[in-house]
N, C-alpha and C. Protein backbone atom coordinates (compact mmCIF):
# COMPACT_ATOMS: atom_id res chain seq x y z
N UNK A 1 69.52 146.67 151.74
CA UNK A 1 68.71 147.30 150.68
C UNK A 1 67.26 146.89 150.98
N UNK A 2 67.14 145.29 151.05
CA UNK A 2 65.76 144.67 151.19
C UNK A 2 65.00 145.24 152.62
N UNK A 3 65.93 145.60 153.44
CA UNK A 3 65.23 146.06 154.69
C UNK A 3 64.70 147.55 154.66
N UNK A 4 65.54 148.31 153.77
CA UNK A 4 65.13 149.57 153.69
C UNK A 4 63.91 149.71 152.87
N UNK A 5 63.71 148.82 151.71
CA UNK A 5 62.54 148.65 150.98
C UNK A 5 61.28 148.45 151.95
N UNK A 6 61.80 147.35 152.78
CA UNK A 6 60.75 146.73 153.51
C UNK A 6 60.02 147.75 154.69
N UNK A 7 60.93 148.72 155.21
CA UNK A 7 60.65 149.68 156.16
C UNK A 7 59.62 150.91 155.44
N UNK A 8 60.17 151.14 154.38
CA UNK A 8 59.30 152.42 153.61
C UNK A 8 58.12 151.77 153.11
N UNK A 9 58.24 150.59 152.41
CA UNK A 9 56.80 150.07 152.01
C UNK A 9 55.77 149.60 152.84
N UNK A 10 56.58 149.04 154.20
CA UNK A 10 55.78 148.61 155.35
C UNK A 10 55.07 149.78 156.06
N UNK A 11 55.71 150.86 156.30
CA UNK A 11 55.40 151.97 156.95
C UNK A 11 54.21 152.66 155.97
N UNK A 12 54.17 152.54 154.56
CA UNK A 12 53.21 153.24 153.81
C UNK A 12 51.92 152.38 153.79
N UNK A 13 52.16 151.09 153.72
CA UNK A 13 51.14 150.06 153.73
C UNK A 13 50.32 150.20 155.12
N UNK A 14 51.20 150.33 156.05
CA UNK A 14 50.28 150.42 157.59
C UNK A 14 49.54 151.76 157.55
N UNK A 15 50.14 152.99 156.80
CA UNK A 15 49.30 154.10 156.89
C UNK A 15 47.99 153.95 156.01
N UNK A 16 47.84 153.21 154.92
CA UNK A 16 46.76 153.06 154.09
C UNK A 16 45.96 152.25 155.13
N UNK A 17 46.39 151.10 155.71
CA UNK A 17 45.59 150.26 156.39
C UNK A 17 44.80 151.03 157.38
N UNK A 18 45.57 151.83 158.24
CA UNK A 18 44.88 152.70 159.40
C UNK A 18 44.10 153.57 158.92
N UNK A 19 44.33 154.18 157.73
CA UNK A 19 43.15 155.19 157.46
C UNK A 19 41.96 154.43 157.02
N UNK A 20 42.20 153.53 156.51
CA UNK A 20 41.04 152.72 155.97
C UNK A 20 40.23 152.12 157.05
N UNK A 21 40.83 151.75 158.22
CA UNK A 21 40.30 151.44 159.64
C UNK A 21 39.77 152.42 160.09
N UNK A 22 39.91 153.57 159.93
CA UNK A 22 39.14 154.82 160.53
C UNK A 22 37.64 154.75 159.86
N UNK A 23 37.47 154.41 158.96
CA UNK A 23 35.92 154.63 158.38
C UNK A 23 34.94 153.88 159.38
N UNK A 24 35.12 152.76 160.04
CA UNK A 24 34.03 152.39 160.92
C UNK A 24 33.99 153.33 162.13
N UNK A 25 35.08 154.00 162.68
CA UNK A 25 35.09 154.68 163.71
C UNK A 25 34.32 156.17 163.32
N UNK A 26 34.65 156.60 162.11
CA UNK A 26 33.89 157.85 161.72
C UNK A 26 32.41 157.54 161.38
N UNK A 27 32.11 156.34 161.00
CA UNK A 27 30.55 156.10 160.69
C UNK A 27 30.03 155.93 162.19
N UNK A 28 30.67 155.69 163.22
CA UNK A 28 29.91 155.79 164.58
C UNK A 28 29.95 157.00 165.22
N UNK A 29 30.86 157.83 164.69
CA UNK A 29 30.93 159.30 165.27
C UNK A 29 30.00 159.93 164.25
N UNK A 30 29.87 159.84 163.32
CA UNK A 30 28.87 160.62 162.37
C UNK A 30 28.00 159.82 161.81
N UNK A 31 26.97 159.12 162.25
CA UNK A 31 26.07 158.43 161.85
C UNK A 31 25.22 158.99 160.61
N UNK A 32 25.37 158.43 159.66
CA UNK A 32 24.55 158.60 158.38
C UNK A 32 25.42 159.61 157.38
N UNK A 33 26.61 159.76 157.91
CA UNK A 33 27.44 160.60 157.22
C UNK A 33 28.31 159.87 156.19
N UNK A 34 28.68 158.88 156.70
CA UNK A 34 29.60 157.83 155.90
C UNK A 34 28.88 156.81 155.09
N UNK A 35 27.89 157.10 154.08
CA UNK A 35 26.93 156.25 153.69
C UNK A 35 27.39 156.13 152.20
N UNK A 36 27.61 155.14 151.59
CA UNK A 36 28.03 155.07 150.24
C UNK A 36 27.21 155.71 149.40
N UNK A 37 27.83 156.61 148.33
CA UNK A 37 27.10 157.45 147.46
C UNK A 37 26.98 158.81 148.20
N UNK A 38 27.06 159.16 149.16
CA UNK A 38 26.87 160.46 149.74
C UNK A 38 28.14 161.18 150.51
N UNK A 39 28.16 162.31 150.10
CA UNK A 39 29.50 162.99 150.37
C UNK A 39 29.12 163.51 152.07
N UNK A 40 30.47 162.98 152.85
CA UNK A 40 30.10 163.52 154.37
C UNK A 40 30.03 165.03 154.53
N UNK A 41 29.53 165.40 155.85
CA UNK A 41 29.46 166.75 156.20
C UNK A 41 31.00 167.29 156.30
N UNK A 42 31.12 168.58 156.40
CA UNK A 42 32.58 169.19 156.67
C UNK A 42 33.00 168.76 157.98
N UNK A 43 31.88 168.45 158.88
CA UNK A 43 32.87 168.18 160.18
C UNK A 43 33.25 167.03 160.24
N UNK A 44 32.58 166.03 159.72
CA UNK A 44 33.21 164.62 159.55
C UNK A 44 34.51 164.47 158.44
N UNK A 45 34.63 165.37 157.70
CA UNK A 45 35.72 165.42 156.70
C UNK A 45 36.69 166.14 157.43
N UNK A 46 36.70 166.94 158.34
CA UNK A 46 37.78 167.71 158.93
C UNK A 46 38.15 166.71 160.02
N UNK A 47 37.11 165.91 160.56
CA UNK A 47 37.63 165.19 161.74
C UNK A 47 38.41 163.69 160.96
N UNK A 48 37.96 163.46 159.83
CA UNK A 48 38.82 162.47 158.95
C UNK A 48 40.45 162.94 158.43
N UNK A 49 40.39 164.35 158.19
CA UNK A 49 41.85 164.76 158.00
C UNK A 49 42.56 164.84 159.31
N UNK A 50 41.95 164.86 160.45
CA UNK A 50 42.61 165.11 161.69
C UNK A 50 43.30 163.66 161.99
N UNK A 51 42.40 162.55 161.88
CA UNK A 51 43.09 161.40 161.84
C UNK A 51 43.94 161.20 160.85
N UNK A 52 43.90 161.43 159.67
CA UNK A 52 45.01 161.06 158.64
C UNK A 52 46.08 161.67 159.15
N UNK A 53 46.08 163.03 159.59
CA UNK A 53 47.45 163.69 160.20
C UNK A 53 48.15 162.68 161.21
N UNK A 54 47.21 162.51 162.20
CA UNK A 54 47.83 161.53 163.51
C UNK A 54 48.30 160.31 162.97
N UNK A 55 47.63 159.47 161.99
CA UNK A 55 48.25 158.46 161.47
C UNK A 55 49.41 158.62 160.37
N UNK A 56 49.60 159.68 159.81
CA UNK A 56 50.70 160.04 159.02
C UNK A 56 52.00 160.26 159.91
N UNK A 57 51.86 160.93 161.08
CA UNK A 57 52.82 161.40 162.07
C UNK A 57 53.19 159.89 162.68
N UNK A 58 52.41 159.18 162.97
CA UNK A 58 52.97 157.73 163.52
C UNK A 58 53.59 156.89 162.52
N UNK A 59 53.11 156.92 161.28
CA UNK A 59 53.77 155.93 160.49
C UNK A 59 55.04 156.65 159.78
N UNK A 60 55.26 157.96 159.68
CA UNK A 60 56.45 158.64 159.62
C UNK A 60 57.44 158.25 160.54
N UNK A 61 57.06 158.36 162.04
CA UNK A 61 57.81 158.27 163.17
C UNK A 61 58.33 156.63 162.95
N UNK A 62 57.74 155.70 162.72
CA UNK A 62 57.98 154.31 162.40
C UNK A 62 58.90 154.04 161.13
N UNK A 63 58.83 154.80 160.17
CA UNK A 63 59.60 154.41 159.14
C UNK A 63 60.98 155.33 159.56
N UNK A 64 60.98 156.34 160.10
CA UNK A 64 62.39 157.02 160.69
C UNK A 64 62.86 156.10 161.65
N UNK A 65 62.25 155.78 162.58
CA UNK A 65 62.78 154.88 163.57
C UNK A 65 63.37 153.43 163.26
N UNK A 66 62.69 152.82 162.49
CA UNK A 66 63.33 151.64 161.94
C UNK A 66 64.04 151.58 160.78
N UNK A 67 64.19 152.67 160.24
CA UNK A 67 65.04 152.78 158.90
C UNK A 67 66.33 152.34 159.59
N UNK A 68 67.31 151.36 158.51
CA UNK A 68 68.43 150.89 159.02
C UNK A 68 69.50 151.84 159.11
N UNK A 69 69.55 152.84 158.17
CA UNK A 69 70.51 153.89 158.07
C UNK A 69 69.97 155.04 157.45
N UNK A 70 70.39 156.27 157.67
CA UNK A 70 69.86 157.43 156.78
C UNK A 70 68.41 157.40 156.77
N UNK A 71 68.20 157.88 158.05
CA UNK A 71 66.52 158.00 158.18
C UNK A 71 65.97 158.95 157.35
N UNK A 72 66.50 160.03 157.13
CA UNK A 72 66.02 161.07 156.43
C UNK A 72 65.90 160.64 154.81
N UNK A 73 66.52 159.97 154.44
CA UNK A 73 66.55 159.41 152.97
C UNK A 73 65.19 158.37 153.00
N UNK A 74 65.02 157.37 153.96
CA UNK A 74 64.06 156.57 153.96
C UNK A 74 62.75 157.46 154.01
N UNK A 75 62.78 158.46 154.87
CA UNK A 75 61.42 159.14 155.02
C UNK A 75 61.29 159.93 153.87
N UNK A 76 62.23 160.56 153.17
CA UNK A 76 62.05 161.16 151.85
C UNK A 76 61.29 160.23 150.81
N UNK A 77 61.70 159.08 150.87
CA UNK A 77 61.06 157.95 149.83
C UNK A 77 59.27 157.80 150.39
N UNK A 78 59.35 157.66 151.67
CA UNK A 78 58.15 157.54 152.27
C UNK A 78 56.98 158.54 151.82
N UNK A 79 57.73 160.06 151.79
CA UNK A 79 57.16 160.99 151.62
C UNK A 79 56.64 161.02 150.03
N UNK A 80 57.56 160.63 149.14
CA UNK A 80 57.32 160.80 147.81
C UNK A 80 56.31 159.83 147.24
N UNK A 81 56.22 158.57 147.90
CA UNK A 81 55.36 157.43 147.56
C UNK A 81 53.99 157.88 148.05
N UNK A 82 54.02 158.70 149.11
CA UNK A 82 52.45 159.07 149.62
C UNK A 82 52.15 160.04 148.75
N UNK A 83 52.69 161.03 148.27
CA UNK A 83 52.40 162.26 147.39
C UNK A 83 51.93 161.59 146.21
N UNK A 84 52.77 160.93 145.54
CA UNK A 84 52.51 160.13 144.19
C UNK A 84 51.04 159.54 144.39
N UNK A 85 51.04 158.80 145.20
CA UNK A 85 49.73 157.81 145.60
C UNK A 85 48.70 158.60 145.60
N UNK A 86 48.85 159.75 146.69
CA UNK A 86 47.72 160.77 146.86
C UNK A 86 47.26 161.45 145.48
N UNK A 87 48.23 161.89 144.58
CA UNK A 87 47.98 162.46 143.47
C UNK A 87 47.21 161.35 142.61
N UNK A 88 47.60 160.26 142.61
CA UNK A 88 47.21 159.16 141.71
C UNK A 88 45.73 159.02 142.23
N UNK A 89 45.19 159.06 143.45
CA UNK A 89 43.80 158.70 144.05
C UNK A 89 43.08 160.15 143.81
N UNK A 90 43.58 161.34 143.93
CA UNK A 90 42.82 162.48 143.61
C UNK A 90 42.29 162.72 142.30
N UNK A 91 42.96 162.63 141.34
CA UNK A 91 42.90 162.60 140.07
C UNK A 91 41.39 162.14 139.40
N UNK A 92 41.35 160.71 139.77
CA UNK A 92 39.80 160.37 139.44
C UNK A 92 38.59 160.74 140.04
N UNK A 93 39.05 161.25 141.39
CA UNK A 93 37.90 161.51 142.38
C UNK A 93 37.65 163.28 142.23
N UNK A 94 38.43 163.87 141.64
CA UNK A 94 38.29 165.40 141.63
C UNK A 94 37.00 165.99 141.24
N UNK A 95 36.41 165.40 140.15
CA UNK A 95 34.95 165.97 139.92
C UNK A 95 33.97 165.06 140.22
N UNK A 96 34.08 164.51 141.29
CA UNK A 96 32.88 163.76 142.02
C UNK A 96 32.09 164.12 143.03
N UNK A 97 32.19 165.50 142.92
CA UNK A 97 31.36 166.43 144.00
C UNK A 97 31.98 166.52 145.56
N UNK A 98 33.16 165.87 145.79
CA UNK A 98 33.71 166.13 147.01
C UNK A 98 34.17 167.62 147.16
N UNK A 99 34.37 168.22 148.37
CA UNK A 99 35.15 169.47 148.51
C UNK A 99 36.59 169.27 147.85
N UNK A 100 37.12 170.21 147.24
CA UNK A 100 38.51 170.06 146.82
C UNK A 100 39.26 170.38 148.07
N UNK A 101 38.95 171.13 149.03
CA UNK A 101 39.66 171.60 150.09
C UNK A 101 40.30 170.10 150.88
N UNK A 102 39.22 169.09 150.73
CA UNK A 102 39.50 167.89 151.39
C UNK A 102 40.52 167.27 150.77
N UNK A 103 40.66 166.99 149.60
CA UNK A 103 41.77 166.36 148.91
C UNK A 103 43.07 167.28 148.90
N UNK A 104 43.00 168.60 148.94
CA UNK A 104 44.11 169.15 148.93
C UNK A 104 44.88 169.30 150.21
N UNK A 105 44.05 169.16 151.53
CA UNK A 105 44.51 169.21 152.63
C UNK A 105 45.17 168.04 153.11
N UNK A 106 44.76 166.80 152.44
CA UNK A 106 45.72 165.56 152.61
C UNK A 106 47.12 165.70 151.89
N UNK A 107 47.02 166.29 150.65
CA UNK A 107 48.30 166.35 149.85
C UNK A 107 49.20 167.27 150.84
N UNK A 108 48.72 168.49 151.34
CA UNK A 108 49.62 169.56 152.03
C UNK A 108 49.96 169.16 153.26
N UNK A 109 49.14 168.35 154.06
CA UNK A 109 49.55 167.88 155.40
C UNK A 109 50.55 166.59 155.45
N UNK A 110 50.45 165.89 154.38
CA UNK A 110 51.41 164.88 154.48
C UNK A 110 52.89 165.15 154.58
N UNK A 111 53.52 165.98 153.59
CA UNK A 111 54.79 166.34 154.23
C UNK A 111 55.09 167.00 155.56
N UNK A 112 54.16 167.89 156.05
CA UNK A 112 54.22 168.33 157.31
C UNK A 112 54.22 167.16 158.49
N UNK A 113 53.31 166.22 158.22
CA UNK A 113 53.34 165.20 159.04
C UNK A 113 54.47 164.32 159.01
N UNK A 114 54.96 164.12 157.81
CA UNK A 114 56.08 163.37 157.62
C UNK A 114 57.44 163.90 158.51
N UNK A 115 57.52 165.41 158.13
CA UNK A 115 58.55 166.03 158.89
C UNK A 115 58.37 165.82 160.39
N UNK A 116 57.14 166.17 160.93
CA UNK A 116 56.95 166.00 162.43
C UNK A 116 57.33 164.47 162.86
N UNK A 117 57.10 163.34 162.36
CA UNK A 117 57.29 161.97 162.77
C UNK A 117 58.61 161.97 162.47
N UNK A 118 59.35 162.46 161.71
CA UNK A 118 60.81 162.45 161.61
C UNK A 118 61.55 163.09 162.89
N UNK A 119 60.87 164.38 163.32
CA UNK A 119 61.53 164.93 164.35
C UNK A 119 61.29 164.19 165.73
N UNK A 120 60.17 163.59 165.68
CA UNK A 120 59.69 162.91 166.94
C UNK A 120 60.68 161.77 167.10
N UNK A 121 60.96 161.07 166.02
CA UNK A 121 61.71 159.89 166.13
C UNK A 121 63.25 159.94 166.78
N UNK A 122 63.76 160.97 166.66
CA UNK A 122 64.99 161.66 167.34
C UNK A 122 66.06 161.17 166.52
N UNK A 123 65.78 160.60 165.57
CA UNK A 123 66.94 160.05 164.43
C UNK A 123 67.52 161.00 163.67
N UNK A 124 68.87 161.08 163.68
CA UNK A 124 69.78 161.83 162.68
C UNK A 124 69.66 161.15 161.24
N UNK A 125 69.81 161.78 160.42
CA UNK A 125 70.13 161.10 159.10
C UNK A 125 71.28 160.08 158.97
N UNK A 126 72.22 160.07 159.67
CA UNK A 126 73.46 159.29 159.58
C UNK A 126 73.39 158.32 160.77
N UNK A 127 72.67 158.51 161.85
CA UNK A 127 72.75 157.59 162.94
C UNK A 127 72.01 156.22 162.83
N UNK A 128 72.80 155.15 162.89
CA UNK A 128 72.18 153.87 162.84
C UNK A 128 71.14 153.59 163.96
N UNK A 129 70.31 152.49 163.72
CA UNK A 129 69.34 152.21 164.84
C UNK A 129 69.99 151.85 166.15
């Protein structure tokens, strides 16, 4: 049980850390766009979303791959936590001037990315590590 919680929580924390770590990269790719108090350009936001999808697939793969058993169940919890936390972070930011497609794209790509990560892992829901 403890290993299951550690795999799901660790995968989610890793996804958050990696997404936050993309900010310096995006600042270098789009100088002047990622400035505090300024909404980035659409090109920068699309790039940010693409990086988010790649990170999501990677972390879903890690969650599925290292789940002690029933990888699908672990990934389902990973997906649920991500969606709940996504909604919780969108609500306070909804009216701050950012394009709504940006927030919604992250919510809609998260389940798809999780599914792709699960498929890439090659694990069946009942096969042990």
